[in-house]
Amino acid sequence: MNPFQLEIPTTITTERLFLRPYTPSDAQAYYQMLQQNWDHLYEFMPAILVNARNAQDIAAVFEWHHEEWQKRSLFILGIWHRSSHEYLGEVYLANADWDVPCIEIGYFLIQSATGHGYATEAARAVIRMAFEAMHVERVELQCTADNTASARVAERCGFTFEGRLRERSHKKDGGRVDRLWYGLLRSEWEPGKA
């Protein structure tokens, strides 16, 4: 498969959500969102965002996102509510192995958006994109064992639990935690479910 020949959509609309890549004009709001949700998101943020000191740093991250999208290696979409236009979180596809082909999904929500099914709705939309537009045969999802919300999203989207890697992840406080691994095969995917 040649990933550069794929026509990958840059916007997705669901019943309640609108997903799209970030633009430079989102940088200030994103930086403020990080500050407001720091305690909620800190454990899951990559170093590139943990080390961001202002909106300009965030804009540089968004430019990197764009470059990685063009390289067909990372696909990050912000999640907004369709009617209120409120920013809710992020969903992404990463770590593509185009030889299989397979890709990994991840996501986060701001604290006030949790508990409403938005992560599941966004994940289902991006899983559909992975199978239909990217023609992958497998979508993977991993989360720490203490992240029960992510594990529930995996289960709601039809993933199969494939294993528990003991003490595979470091917490930011220095502790260790097990990592859970899930997989969803094209043959198992139900378009109405995910």
C-alpha atoms as a PDB file:
ATOM      1  CA  MET A   1       0.000   0.000   0.000  1.00  0.00           C
ATOM      2  CA  ASN A   2       1.213   3.481  -0.825  1.00  0.00           C
ATOM      3  CA  PRO A   3      -0.116   5.781   1.940  1.00  0.00           C
ATOM      4  CA  PHE A   4       0.578   8.853  -0.185  1.00  0.00           C
ATOM      5  CA  GLN A   5      -2.103   7.763  -2.630  1.00  0.00           C
ATOM      6  CA  LEU A   6      -4.794   7.621   0.066  1.00  0.00           C
ATOM      7  CA  GLU A   7      -7.476  10.291   0.123  1.00  0.00           C
ATOM      8  CA  ILE A   8      -7.744  10.867   3.861  1.00  0.00           C
ATOM      9  CA  PRO A   9     -10.497  13.257   4.953  1.00  0.00           C
ATOM     10  CA  THR A  10      -9.433  16.269   6.981  1.00  0.00           C
ATOM     11  CA  THR A  11     -12.861  16.853   8.497  1.00  0.00           C
ATOM     12  CA  ILE A  12     -15.333  14.429  10.020  1.00  0.00           C
ATOM     13  CA  THR A  13     -18.845  15.203  11.208  1.00  0.00           C
ATOM     14  CA  THR A  14     -20.795  12.923  13.548  1.00  0.00           C
ATOM     15  CA  GLU A  15     -24.180  13.315  15.203  1.00  0.00           C
ATOM     16  CA  ARG A  16     -22.818  15.691  17.861  1.00  0.00           C
ATOM     17  CA  LEU A  17     -19.201  16.358  16.897  1.00  0.00           C
ATOM     18  CA  PHE A  18     -17.021  18.088  14.339  1.00  0.00           C
ATOM     19  CA  LEU A  19     -13.420  16.851  13.974  1.00  0.00           C
ATOM     20  CA  ARG A  20     -10.659  18.691  12.120  1.00  0.00           C
ATOM     21  CA  PRO A  21      -6.902  19.330  12.272  1.00  0.00           C
ATOM     22  CA  TYR A  22      -5.768  22.304  14.330  1.00  0.00           C
ATOM     23  CA  THR A  23      -4.884  25.583  12.649  1.00  0.00           C
ATOM     24  CA  PRO A  24      -2.519  28.299  13.924  1.00  0.00           C
ATOM     25  CA  SER A  25      -5.564  30.313  15.029  1.00  0.00           C
ATOM     26  CA  ASP A  26      -6.388  27.534  17.549  1.00  0.00           C
ATOM     27  CA  ALA A  27      -3.053  27.896  19.373  1.00  0.00           C
ATOM     28  CA  GLN A  28      -4.055  30.461  22.015  1.00  0.00           C
ATOM     29  CA  ALA A  29      -7.266  28.631  22.937  1.00  0.00           C
ATOM     30  CA  TYR A  30      -5.421  25.304  23.037  1.00  0.00           C
ATOM     31  CA  TYR A  31      -2.752  26.725  25.329  1.00  0.00           C
ATOM     32  CA  GLN A  32      -5.449  28.094  27.654  1.00  0.00           C
ATOM     33  CA  MET A  33      -7.218  24.713  27.566  1.00  0.00           C
ATOM     34  CA  LEU A  34      -3.991  23.000  28.668  1.00  0.00           C
ATOM     35  CA  GLN A  35      -3.603  25.417  31.568  1.00  0.00           C
ATOM     36  CA  GLN A  36      -7.230  24.931  32.666  1.00  0.00           C
ATOM     37  CA  ASN A  37      -7.073  21.136  32.396  1.00  0.00           C
ATOM     38  CA  TRP A  38      -3.502  20.599  33.564  1.00  0.00           C
ATOM     39  CA  ASP A  39      -4.276  18.308  36.494  1.00  0.00           C
ATOM     40  CA  HIS A  40      -6.688  16.275  34.370  1.00  0.00           C
ATOM     41  CA  LEU A  41      -4.417  15.900  31.307  1.00  0.00           C
ATOM     42  CA  TYR A  42      -0.851  16.157  32.601  1.00  0.00           C
ATOM     43  CA  GLU A  43      -0.323  12.416  33.042  1.00  0.00           C
ATOM     44  CA  PHE A  44      -1.224  11.731  29.402  1.00  0.00           C
ATOM     45  CA  MET A  45       0.449  14.670  27.651  1.00  0.00           C
ATOM     46  CA  PRO A  46       3.560  14.086  25.550  1.00  0.00           C
ATOM     47  CA  ALA A  47       6.683  16.064  26.448  1.00  0.00           C
ATOM     48  CA  ILE A  48       6.229  18.354  23.442  1.00  0.00           C
ATOM     49  CA  LEU A  49       3.037  19.699  25.053  1.00  0.00           C
ATOM     50  CA  VAL A  50       4.168  19.498  28.678  1.00  0.00           C
ATOM     51  CA  ASN A  51       7.084  21.757  27.748  1.00  0.00           C
ATOM     52  CA  ALA A  52       4.978  24.302  25.808  1.00  0.00           C
ATOM     53  CA  ARG A  53       5.348  27.699  27.494  1.00  0.00           C
ATOM     54  CA  ASN A  54       3.027  29.846  25.353  1.00  0.00           C
ATOM     55  CA  ALA A  55       0.718  29.907  22.336  1.00  0.00           C
ATOM     56  CA  GLN A  56       3.689  30.248  19.985  1.00  0.00           C
ATOM     57  CA  ASP A  57       5.023  26.901  21.216  1.00  0.00           C
ATOM     58  CA  ILE A  58       1.599  25.380  20.564  1.00  0.00           C
ATOM     59  CA  ALA A  59       1.497  26.877  17.056  1.00  0.00           C
ATOM     60  CA  ALA A  60       4.860  25.214  16.380  1.00  0.00           C
ATOM     61  CA  VAL A  61       3.406  21.889  17.577  1.00  0.00           C
ATOM     62  CA  PHE A  62       0.463  22.352  15.207  1.00  0.00           C
ATOM     63  CA  GLU A  63       2.882  22.973  12.333  1.00  0.00           C
ATOM     64  CA  TRP A  64       4.657  19.739  13.240  1.00  0.00           C
ATOM     65  CA  HIS A  65       1.246  17.968  13.253  1.00  0.00           C
ATOM     66  CA  HIS A  66       0.665  19.234   9.708  1.00  0.00           C
ATOM     67  CA  GLU A  67       4.088  18.001   8.565  1.00  0.00           C
ATOM     68  CA  GLU A  68       3.488  14.570  10.108  1.00  0.00           C
ATOM     69  CA  TRP A  69       0.079  14.365   8.411  1.00  0.00           C
ATOM     70  CA  GLN A  70       1.778  15.054   5.079  1.00  0.00           C
ATOM     71  CA  LYS A  71       4.305  12.282   5.850  1.00  0.00           C
ATOM     72  CA  ARG A  72       1.380   9.952   6.601  1.00  0.00           C
ATOM     73  CA  SER A  73       2.695   9.172  10.072  1.00  0.00           C
ATOM     74  CA  LEU A  74       0.421  11.086  12.495  1.00  0.00           C
ATOM     75  CA  PHE A  75      -3.172  12.263  12.084  1.00  0.00           C
ATOM     76  CA  ILE A  76      -4.415  14.536  14.881  1.00  0.00           C
ATOM     77  CA  LEU A  77      -7.933  15.953  14.923  1.00  0.00           C
ATOM     78  CA  GLY A  78      -9.417  18.365  17.430  1.00  0.00           C
ATOM     79  CA  ILE A  79     -12.939  17.588  18.639  1.00  0.00           C
ATOM     80  CA  TRP A  80     -15.576  20.343  18.779  1.00  0.00           C
ATOM     81  CA  HIS A  81     -19.270  20.167  19.642  1.00  0.00           C
ATOM     82  CA  ARG A  82     -21.285  20.749  16.467  1.00  0.00           C
ATOM     83  CA  SER A  83     -23.952  23.003  17.966  1.00  0.00           C
ATOM     84  CA  SER A  84     -22.100  24.887  20.716  1.00  0.00           C
ATOM     85  CA  HIS A  85     -18.683  24.932  18.914  1.00  0.00           C
ATOM     86  CA  GLU A  86     -17.119  24.177  22.317  1.00  0.00           C
ATOM     87  CA  TYR A  87     -13.707  22.512  22.186  1.00  0.00           C
ATOM     88  CA  LEU A  88     -13.961  19.048  23.761  1.00  0.00           C
ATOM     89  CA  GLY A  89     -10.686  17.238  23.156  1.00  0.00           C
ATOM     90  CA  GLU A  90      -8.566  15.409  20.634  1.00  0.00           C
ATOM     91  CA  VAL A  91      -8.429  12.121  18.754  1.00  0.00           C
ATOM     92  CA  TYR A  92      -5.512  10.821  16.744  1.00  0.00           C
ATOM     93  CA  LEU A  93      -4.165   7.991  14.635  1.00  0.00           C
ATOM     94  CA  ALA A  94      -0.430   7.307  15.016  1.00  0.00           C
ATOM     95  CA  ASN A  95       2.350   4.762  14.644  1.00  0.00           C
ATOM     96  CA  ALA A  96       1.171   3.560  11.249  1.00  0.00           C
ATOM     97  CA  ASP A  97       2.691   0.358   9.926  1.00  0.00           C
ATOM     98  CA  TRP A  98       1.751   0.510   6.255  1.00  0.00           C
ATOM     99  CA  ASP A  99       3.152  -2.975   5.606  1.00  0.00           C
ATOM    100  CA  VAL A 100       0.439  -4.689   7.673  1.00  0.00           C
ATOM    101  CA  PRO A 101      -1.311  -2.142   7.432  1.00  0.00           C
ATOM    102  CA  CYS A 102      -2.302  -1.113  10.944  1.00  0.00           C
ATOM    103  CA  ILE A 103      -2.502   2.068  13.002  1.00  0.00           C
ATOM    104  CA  GLU A 104      -2.981   3.087  16.637  1.00  0.00           C
ATOM    105  CA  ILE A 105      -5.779   5.290  17.969  1.00  0.00           C
ATOM    106  CA  GLY A 106      -5.665   7.602  20.992  1.00  0.00           C
ATOM    107  CA  TYR A 107      -7.776  10.415  22.419  1.00  0.00           C
ATOM    108  CA  PHE A 108      -8.381  12.752  25.330  1.00  0.00           C
ATOM    109  CA  LEU A 109     -11.213  14.961  26.524  1.00  0.00           C
ATOM    110  CA  ILE A 110     -11.145  18.094  28.624  1.00  0.00           C
ATOM    111  CA  GLN A 111     -12.427  17.420  32.119  1.00  0.00           C
ATOM    112  CA  SER A 112     -15.832  19.080  31.651  1.00  0.00           C
ATOM    113  CA  ALA A 113     -16.509  16.950  28.538  1.00  0.00           C
ATOM    114  CA  THR A 114     -16.003  13.554  30.189  1.00  0.00           C
ATOM    115  CA  GLY A 115     -18.905  11.244  30.870  1.00  0.00           C
ATOM    116  CA  HIS A 116     -21.017  12.224  27.839  1.00  0.00           C
ATOM    117  CA  GLY A 117     -19.863   9.612  25.327  1.00  0.00           C
ATOM    118  CA  TYR A 118     -17.862  12.080  23.224  1.00  0.00           C
ATOM    119  CA  ALA A 119     -14.657  10.022  23.280  1.00  0.00           C
ATOM    120  CA  THR A 120     -16.529   6.942  22.068  1.00  0.00           C
ATOM    121  CA  GLU A 121     -18.291   8.934  19.328  1.00  0.00           C
ATOM    122  CA  ALA A 122     -15.040  10.511  18.123  1.00  0.00           C
ATOM    123  CA  ALA A 123     -13.151   7.204  18.317  1.00  0.00           C
ATOM    124  CA  ARG A 124     -15.819   5.430  16.263  1.00  0.00           C
ATOM    125  CA  ALA A 125     -15.607   8.120  13.573  1.00  0.00           C
ATOM    126  CA  VAL A 126     -11.823   7.882  13.343  1.00  0.00           C
ATOM    127  CA  ILE A 127     -11.907   4.072  13.370  1.00  0.00           C
ATOM    128  CA  ARG A 128     -14.265   4.276  10.393  1.00  0.00           C
ATOM    129  CA  MET A 129     -11.786   6.616   8.682  1.00  0.00           C
ATOM    130  CA  ALA A 130      -8.953   4.155   9.376  1.00  0.00           C
ATOM    131  CA  PHE A 131     -10.790   1.200   7.863  1.00  0.00           C
ATOM    132  CA  GLU A 132     -12.583   2.947   4.996  1.00  0.00           C
ATOM    133  CA  ALA A 133     -10.201   5.719   3.871  1.00  0.00           C
ATOM    134  CA  MET A 134      -6.854   4.361   5.052  1.00  0.00           C
ATOM    135  CA  HIS A 135      -7.660   0.706   4.269  1.00  0.00           C
ATOM    136  CA  VAL A 136      -5.950  -0.646   7.382  1.00  0.00           C
ATOM    137  CA  GLU A 137      -6.519  -4.208   8.484  1.00  0.00           C
ATOM    138  CA  ARG A 138      -6.054  -3.524  12.195  1.00  0.00           C
ATOM    139  CA  VAL A 139      -6.516  -0.645  14.650  1.00  0.00           C
ATOM    140  CA  GLU A 140      -4.666  -0.787  17.967  1.00  0.00           C
ATOM    141  CA  LEU A 141      -5.354   0.992  21.223  1.00  0.00           C
ATOM    142  CA  GLN A 142      -3.259   1.027  24.358  1.00  0.00           C
ATOM    143  CA  CYS A 143      -3.804   2.675  27.717  1.00  0.00           C
ATOM    144  CA  THR A 144      -2.492   2.437  31.241  1.00  0.00           C
ATOM    145  CA  ALA A 145      -4.300   0.001  33.492  1.00  0.00           C
ATOM    146  CA  ASP A 146      -5.461   2.825  35.759  1.00  0.00           C
ATOM    147  CA  ASN A 147      -7.109   4.657  32.837  1.00  0.00           C
ATOM    148  CA  THR A 148     -10.455   2.901  33.121  1.00  0.00           C
ATOM    149  CA  ALA A 149     -12.235   5.516  30.970  1.00  0.00           C
ATOM    150  CA  SER A 150     -10.016   4.701  27.956  1.00  0.00           C
ATOM    151  CA  ALA A 151     -10.481   0.978  28.516  1.00  0.00           C
ATOM    152  CA  ARG A 152     -14.268   1.474  28.483  1.00  0.00           C
ATOM    153  CA  VAL A 153     -14.044   3.382  25.189  1.00  0.00           C
ATOM    154  CA  ALA A 154     -12.053   0.488  23.695  1.00  0.00           C
ATOM    155  CA  GLU A 155     -14.697  -1.988  24.814  1.00  0.00           C
ATOM    156  CA  ARG A 156     -17.591   0.162  23.522  1.00  0.00           C
ATOM    157  CA  CYS A 157     -15.880   0.390  20.118  1.00  0.00           C
ATOM    158  CA  GLY A 158     -15.582  -3.385  19.847  1.00  0.00           C
ATOM    159  CA  PHE A 159     -11.870  -3.837  20.557  1.00  0.00           C
ATOM    160  CA  THR A 160     -10.584  -7.149  21.868  1.00  0.00           C
ATOM    161  CA  PHE A 161      -8.357  -7.107  24.932  1.00  0.00           C
ATOM    162  CA  GLU A 162      -5.081  -8.668  23.786  1.00  0.00           C
ATOM    163  CA  GLY A 163      -2.789  -8.348  26.738  1.00  0.00           C
ATOM    164  CA  ARG A 164      -1.467  -6.669  29.835  1.00  0.00           C
ATOM    165  CA  LEU A 165       2.165  -5.577  29.875  1.00  0.00           C
ATOM    166  CA  ARG A 166       3.217  -5.467  33.508  1.00  0.00           C
ATOM    167  CA  GLU A 167       4.849  -2.238  34.750  1.00  0.00           C
ATOM    168  CA  ARG A 168       5.275  -1.156  31.104  1.00  0.00           C
ATOM    169  CA  SER A 169       4.630   2.562  31.678  1.00  0.00           C
ATOM    170  CA  HIS A 170       6.083   5.195  33.945  1.00  0.00           C
ATOM    171  CA  LYS A 171       3.785   7.651  35.622  1.00  0.00           C
ATOM    172  CA  LYS A 172       4.957  11.240  35.740  1.00  0.00           C
ATOM    173  CA  ASP A 173       5.342  10.900  39.524  1.00  0.00           C
ATOM    174  CA  GLY A 174       7.913   8.154  38.924  1.00  0.00           C
ATOM    175  CA  GLY A 175       5.672   5.184  39.698  1.00  0.00           C
ATOM    176  CA  ARG A 176       5.091   2.313  37.306  1.00  0.00           C
ATOM    177  CA  VAL A 177       1.810   1.071  35.936  1.00  0.00           C
ATOM    178  CA  ASP A 178       0.704  -1.797  33.715  1.00  0.00           C
ATOM    179  CA  ARG A 179      -0.238  -1.079  30.089  1.00  0.00           C
ATOM    180  CA  LEU A 180      -3.301  -2.647  28.456  1.00  0.00           C
ATOM    181  CA  TRP A 181      -3.288  -3.510  24.759  1.00  0.00           C
ATOM    182  CA  TYR A 182      -6.394  -3.788  22.561  1.00  0.00           C
ATOM    183  CA  GLY A 183      -6.885  -4.624  18.891  1.00  0.00           C
ATOM    184  CA  LEU A 184      -9.707  -4.366  16.373  1.00  0.00           C
ATOM    185  CA  LEU A 185      -9.451  -6.277  13.092  1.00  0.00           C
ATOM    186  CA  ARG A 186     -11.232  -5.302   9.886  1.00  0.00           C
ATOM    187  CA  SER A 187     -13.010  -8.686  10.018  1.00  0.00           C
ATOM    188  CA  GLU A 188     -14.380  -7.817  13.499  1.00  0.00           C
ATOM    189  CA  TRP A 189     -15.303  -4.221  12.755  1.00  0.00           C
ATOM    190  CA  GLU A 190     -18.983  -3.406  12.696  1.00  0.00           C
ATOM    191  CA  PRO A 191     -19.527  -0.069  10.895  1.00  0.00           C
ATOM    192  CA  GLY A 192     -22.630   0.635  12.976  1.00  0.00           C
ATOM    193  CA  LYS A 193     -20.730   0.021  16.214  1.00  0.00           C
ATOM    194  CA  ALA A 194     -17.420   1.720  15.482  1.00  0.00           C
END
